[in-house]
Structure formats: structure tokens, C-alpha cells
Protein backbone atom coordinates (compact mmCIF):
# COMPACT_ATOMS: atom_id res chain seq x y z
CA UNK A 1 -143.16 85.15 -31.18
CA UNK A 2 -141.48 83.46 -34.41
CA UNK A 3 -137.94 82.93 -35.00
CA UNK A 4 -135.70 81.68 -37.27
CA UNK A 5 -132.76 79.85 -36.92
CA UNK A 6 -130.83 80.02 -39.77
CA UNK A 7 -127.77 77.38 -39.96
CA UNK A 8 -125.10 79.13 -42.25
CA UNK A 9 -123.32 77.22 -45.18
CA UNK A 10 -119.66 76.11 -45.07
CA UNK A 11 -117.55 74.64 -47.90
CA UNK A 12 -118.54 71.16 -46.38
CA UNK A 13 -122.00 71.46 -46.83
CA UNK A 14 -121.98 73.48 -50.30
CA UNK A 15 -119.76 70.66 -51.52
CA UNK A 16 -123.37 68.69 -51.04
CA UNK A 17 -121.74 65.99 -48.43
CA UNK A 18 -124.22 64.73 -46.04
CA UNK A 19 -123.83 65.10 -41.96
CA UNK A 20 -122.43 62.17 -40.46
CA UNK A 21 -124.99 59.32 -38.91
CA UNK A 22 -124.23 60.59 -35.16
CA UNK A 23 -125.01 64.27 -36.11
CA UNK A 24 -128.01 63.05 -38.14
CA UNK A 25 -129.27 61.18 -34.47
CA UNK A 26 -128.56 64.51 -32.43
CA UNK A 27 -130.52 66.42 -35.23
CA UNK A 28 -133.19 64.34 -34.88
CA UNK A 29 -133.68 64.20 -31.42
CA UNK A 30 -133.39 67.84 -31.19
CA UNK A 31 -135.95 68.11 -33.54
CA UNK A 32 -138.25 65.80 -31.78
CA UNK A 33 -137.38 67.76 -28.55
CA UNK A 34 -138.50 71.23 -30.31
CA UNK A 35 -141.95 69.19 -31.86
CA UNK A 36 -142.46 67.76 -28.05
CA UNK A 37 -142.00 71.29 -26.48
CA UNK A 38 -144.70 72.28 -29.23
CA UNK A 39 -142.29 75.03 -30.51
CA UNK A 40 -141.31 73.69 -33.75
CA UNK A 41 -143.17 75.45 -36.90
CA UNK A 42 -140.93 74.12 -39.33
CA UNK A 43 -137.42 72.67 -40.05
CA UNK A 44 -135.62 72.15 -43.66
CA UNK A 45 -131.96 71.62 -45.28
CA UNK A 46 -131.48 73.25 -48.18
CA UNK A 47 -129.74 72.20 -51.30
CA UNK A 48 -126.20 73.45 -52.28
CA UNK A 49 -126.15 76.99 -53.92
CA UNK A 50 -124.96 75.23 -57.33
CA UNK A 51 -128.50 74.25 -57.39
CA UNK A 52 -129.54 77.80 -56.65
CA UNK A 53 -130.63 80.72 -58.81
CA UNK A 54 -130.01 84.63 -57.47
CA UNK A 55 -132.14 87.50 -58.66
CA UNK A 56 -130.80 90.87 -58.19
CA UNK A 57 -132.14 94.28 -58.47
CA UNK A 58 -129.34 96.81 -59.68
CA UNK A 59 -132.16 99.85 -60.36
CA UNK A 60 -135.01 100.39 -58.78
CA UNK A 61 -138.17 99.29 -60.85
CA UNK A 62 -135.54 97.32 -63.08
CA UNK A 63 -135.67 94.03 -64.66
CA UNK A 64 -133.75 92.04 -62.43
CA UNK A 65 -130.56 90.10 -63.08
CA UNK A 66 -130.76 86.23 -62.78
CA UNK A 67 -127.66 84.41 -61.91
CA UNK A 68 -127.23 80.37 -61.45
CA UNK A 69 -125.32 79.55 -58.91
CA UNK A 70 -122.74 77.87 -57.14
CA UNK A 71 -122.16 81.22 -55.01
CA UNK A 72 -118.94 82.12 -53.76
CA UNK A 73 -119.28 83.54 -50.30
CA UNK A 74 -120.24 80.54 -48.45
CA UNK A 75 -120.30 82.77 -45.28
CA UNK A 76 -123.67 84.52 -46.56
CA UNK A 77 -125.31 81.29 -47.85
CA UNK A 78 -127.88 79.69 -45.93
CA UNK A 79 -127.87 75.75 -45.67
CA UNK A 80 -131.26 75.03 -43.63
CA UNK A 81 -133.30 76.81 -41.07
CA UNK A 82 -135.54 75.95 -38.11
CA UNK A 83 -138.65 78.33 -37.70
CA UNK A 84 -139.57 78.43 -34.09
CA UNK A 85 -142.88 80.10 -32.32
CA UNK A 86 -141.81 80.86 -28.72
CA UNK A 87 -142.85 83.36 -26.00
CA UNK A 88 -139.63 85.54 -25.92
CA UNK A 89 -136.32 86.37 -27.46
CA UNK A 90 -134.72 84.70 -24.41
CA UNK A 91 -136.28 81.42 -25.29
CA UNK A 92 -135.52 81.57 -28.68
CA UNK A 93 -131.88 81.76 -28.01
CA UNK A 94 -132.22 78.81 -25.44
CA UNK A 95 -133.71 76.75 -27.86
CA UNK A 96 -130.62 77.57 -30.40
CA UNK A 97 -127.91 77.22 -27.81
CA UNK A 98 -129.19 73.44 -27.41
CA UNK A 99 -128.72 72.96 -31.26
CA UNK A 100 -125.74 70.49 -31.99
CA UNK A 101 -122.87 71.81 -34.19
CA UNK A 102 -125.15 71.81 -37.27
CA UNK A 103 -122.42 71.29 -39.71
CA UNK A 104 -120.55 68.70 -37.39
CA UNK A 105 -116.81 70.00 -37.91
CA UNK A 106 -116.47 72.91 -35.67
CA UNK A 107 -117.49 75.12 -38.37
CA UNK A 108 -120.93 75.05 -37.62
CA UNK A 109 -122.97 78.84 -37.47
CA UNK A 110 -126.32 79.41 -36.66
CA UNK A 111 -128.11 82.75 -37.01
CA UNK A 112 -131.07 83.72 -35.02
CA UNK A 113 -133.41 86.23 -36.26
CA UNK A 114 -136.90 86.92 -35.02
CA UNK A 115 -139.46 87.09 -37.94
CA UNK A 116 -141.68 90.36 -38.83
CA UNK A 117 -145.34 89.80 -37.93
CA UNK A 118 -148.20 91.92 -39.13
CA UNK A 119 -150.43 93.07 -36.05
CA UNK A 120 -154.20 93.10 -37.42
């Protein structure tokens, strides 16, 4: 089962501030544990939304509206993600619970979502 741990953005991450050396070390260790356990598929951080582009579809079948970032609602933005392949929802939650505070300032938030997989 594929799950994505979505690291939510904060004002700090949107400002482009890099994590502290301590947090970088803790996240590196956590990622090494995921790899060693054979569950990590991919892990990436994202540039702030000021580097992003949003496409909105206001009308079905219509032409999308293109908006350049930054986008204001940080609680709706993503700062990074880790994709894991595990046996169960419970295992995914166990791995998510082990992640250090991804923002390092007591403001981190992780959203855990199962990925749709087409059955062939």
C-alpha cells in the first residue's frame, strides 16, 4: 500500500528558510531508517510557493486560469513529501509518528494520505 506523508508548509518554509543543522541531521537519520526498512519510495522537499504556478479550472471544459505564486494560505500548501510502500494503514501511521517535527519550530504538520493504485 502506498502512502504519502505530506509535509505542510508554514510561514517559515514559505520564506525559504532552510532547516537547522540539527533538524537536517534528524531528517537524514529518519530517511535512512525508511530506506533500511525498504519502505521509502521517494522523498523530496519543494521550493516555496513563490516559485509555483497554480492552474484553476473555473468552468468544466474551459480554459484554465494560470496564477503565479506566492499563494497566501500556508496551511493549504505543501513543503515536501515522503512516499512509502507499507503493508497497512497502521504501519504508515507508525512511520509518520516517527518523523521529527518537519519544520523544527513546533509548527510542523504532516498529512498522511493513501495513494490510489489501479488494479490491473
